[in-house]
Amino acid sequence: MRISTTDPITLKDIPDPEGHPFVVEGQGEAALKIYFENDESRQAYLDISVEHPGKDFTYNLDNPR
């Protein structure tokens, strides 16, 4: 599991993440644990809508000439 201690909403580093809210995205070794400065920024992150969860990268968007 990878760990991010930079709050993606406030962009502040969380030097001591113990006790801070977090979200785990993904599973297994590819999972990402994201720490947040507070519950409000965690909720703001969770409120971001995703148009096609899990399918955003299934299409090849290369534009060959």
C-alpha atoms as a PDB file:
ATOM      1  CA  MET A   1       0.000   0.000   0.000  1.00  0.00           C
ATOM      2  CA  ARG A   2       1.226   3.447  -0.908  1.00  0.00           C
ATOM      3  CA  ILE A   3       0.622   6.345   1.491  1.00  0.00           C
ATOM      4  CA  SER A   4       0.057  10.025   0.697  1.00  0.00           C
ATOM      5  CA  THR A   5       0.417  12.502   3.537  1.00  0.00           C
ATOM      6  CA  THR A   6      -0.417  15.533   1.402  1.00  0.00           C
ATOM      7  CA  ASP A   7      -4.068  16.522   1.727  1.00  0.00           C
ATOM      8  CA  PRO A   8      -5.282  16.675  -1.906  1.00  0.00           C
ATOM      9  CA  ILE A   9      -7.851  19.366  -1.066  1.00  0.00           C
ATOM     10  CA  THR A  10      -5.787  21.797   1.026  1.00  0.00           C
ATOM     11  CA  LEU A  11      -2.404  20.693  -0.412  1.00  0.00           C
ATOM     12  CA  LYS A  12      -0.957  20.808   3.111  1.00  0.00           C
ATOM     13  CA  ASP A  13       1.491  18.140   4.241  1.00  0.00           C
ATOM     14  CA  ILE A  14       0.393  16.094   7.254  1.00  0.00           C
ATOM     15  CA  PRO A  15       3.713  15.486   9.077  1.00  0.00           C
ATOM     16  CA  ASP A  16       2.140  13.256  11.774  1.00  0.00           C
ATOM     17  CA  PRO A  17      -0.827  11.508  10.104  1.00  0.00           C
ATOM     18  CA  GLU A  18      -1.749   9.360  13.115  1.00  0.00           C
ATOM     19  CA  GLY A  19      -5.282  10.294  14.144  1.00  0.00           C
ATOM     20  CA  HIS A  20      -6.057  12.207  10.953  1.00  0.00           C
ATOM     21  CA  PRO A  21      -8.930  11.118   8.693  1.00  0.00           C
ATOM     22  CA  PHE A  22      -8.026   9.086   5.619  1.00  0.00           C
ATOM     23  CA  VAL A  23      -9.434   7.249   2.616  1.00  0.00           C
ATOM     24  CA  VAL A  24      -8.071   4.088   1.007  1.00  0.00           C
ATOM     25  CA  GLU A  25      -8.404   4.032  -2.783  1.00  0.00           C
ATOM     26  CA  GLY A  26      -7.897   0.684  -4.519  1.00  0.00           C
ATOM     27  CA  GLN A  27      -6.896  -2.692  -3.150  1.00  0.00           C
ATOM     28  CA  GLY A  28      -3.803  -4.743  -2.397  1.00  0.00           C
ATOM     29  CA  GLU A  29      -0.349  -3.482  -3.217  1.00  0.00           C
ATOM     30  CA  ALA A  30      -1.760  -0.869  -5.598  1.00  0.00           C
ATOM     31  CA  ALA A  31      -3.949   0.683  -2.874  1.00  0.00           C
ATOM     32  CA  LEU A  32      -3.364   4.307  -1.927  1.00  0.00           C
ATOM     33  CA  LYS A  33      -4.023   5.571   1.599  1.00  0.00           C
ATOM     34  CA  ILE A  34      -4.703   9.315   1.474  1.00  0.00           C
ATOM     35  CA  TYR A  35      -4.552  11.357   4.684  1.00  0.00           C
ATOM     36  CA  PHE A  36      -6.520  14.566   5.161  1.00  0.00           C
ATOM     37  CA  GLU A  37      -5.975  17.621   7.316  1.00  0.00           C
ATOM     38  CA  ASN A  38      -9.527  17.400   8.720  1.00  0.00           C
ATOM     39  CA  ASP A  39     -12.931  15.790   8.205  1.00  0.00           C
ATOM     40  CA  GLU A  40     -14.121  18.697   6.042  1.00  0.00           C
ATOM     41  CA  SER A  41     -11.412  18.214   3.427  1.00  0.00           C
ATOM     42  CA  ARG A  42     -11.969  14.431   3.512  1.00  0.00           C
ATOM     43  CA  GLN A  43     -15.657  14.993   2.804  1.00  0.00           C
ATOM     44  CA  ALA A  44     -14.858  17.488   0.035  1.00  0.00           C
ATOM     45  CA  TYR A  45     -12.686  14.782  -1.569  1.00  0.00           C
ATOM     46  CA  LEU A  46     -15.445  12.180  -1.247  1.00  0.00           C
ATOM     47  CA  ASP A  47     -17.962  14.616  -2.770  1.00  0.00           C
ATOM     48  CA  ILE A  48     -15.984  14.882  -6.024  1.00  0.00           C
ATOM     49  CA  SER A  49     -18.058  13.035  -8.589  1.00  0.00           C
ATOM     50  CA  VAL A  50     -16.478  10.589 -10.978  1.00  0.00           C
ATOM     51  CA  GLU A  51     -18.139  10.297 -14.356  1.00  0.00           C
ATOM     52  CA  HIS A  52     -17.269   6.637 -15.003  1.00  0.00           C
ATOM     53  CA  PRO A  53     -15.820   5.035 -11.856  1.00  0.00           C
ATOM     54  CA  GLY A  54     -13.349   2.319 -12.726  1.00  0.00           C
ATOM     55  CA  LYS A  55     -13.765   2.790 -16.477  1.00  0.00           C
ATOM     56  CA  ASP A  56     -12.123   6.171 -17.080  1.00  0.00           C
ATOM     57  CA  PHE A  57      -8.993   4.611 -18.576  1.00  0.00           C
ATOM     58  CA  THR A  58     -10.422   1.766 -20.632  1.00  0.00           C
ATOM     59  CA  TYR A  59     -10.230   3.697 -23.891  1.00  0.00           C
ATOM     60  CA  ASN A  60      -7.095   4.415 -25.884  1.00  0.00           C
ATOM     61  CA  LEU A  61      -7.051   8.170 -26.338  1.00  0.00           C
ATOM     62  CA  ASP A  62      -3.919   8.261 -28.509  1.00  0.00           C
ATOM     63  CA  ASN A  63      -4.341  10.359 -31.609  1.00  0.00           C
ATOM     64  CA  PRO A  64      -1.974   8.861 -34.197  1.00  0.00           C
ATOM     65  CA  ARG A  65      -1.356  10.796 -37.405  1.00  0.00           C
END
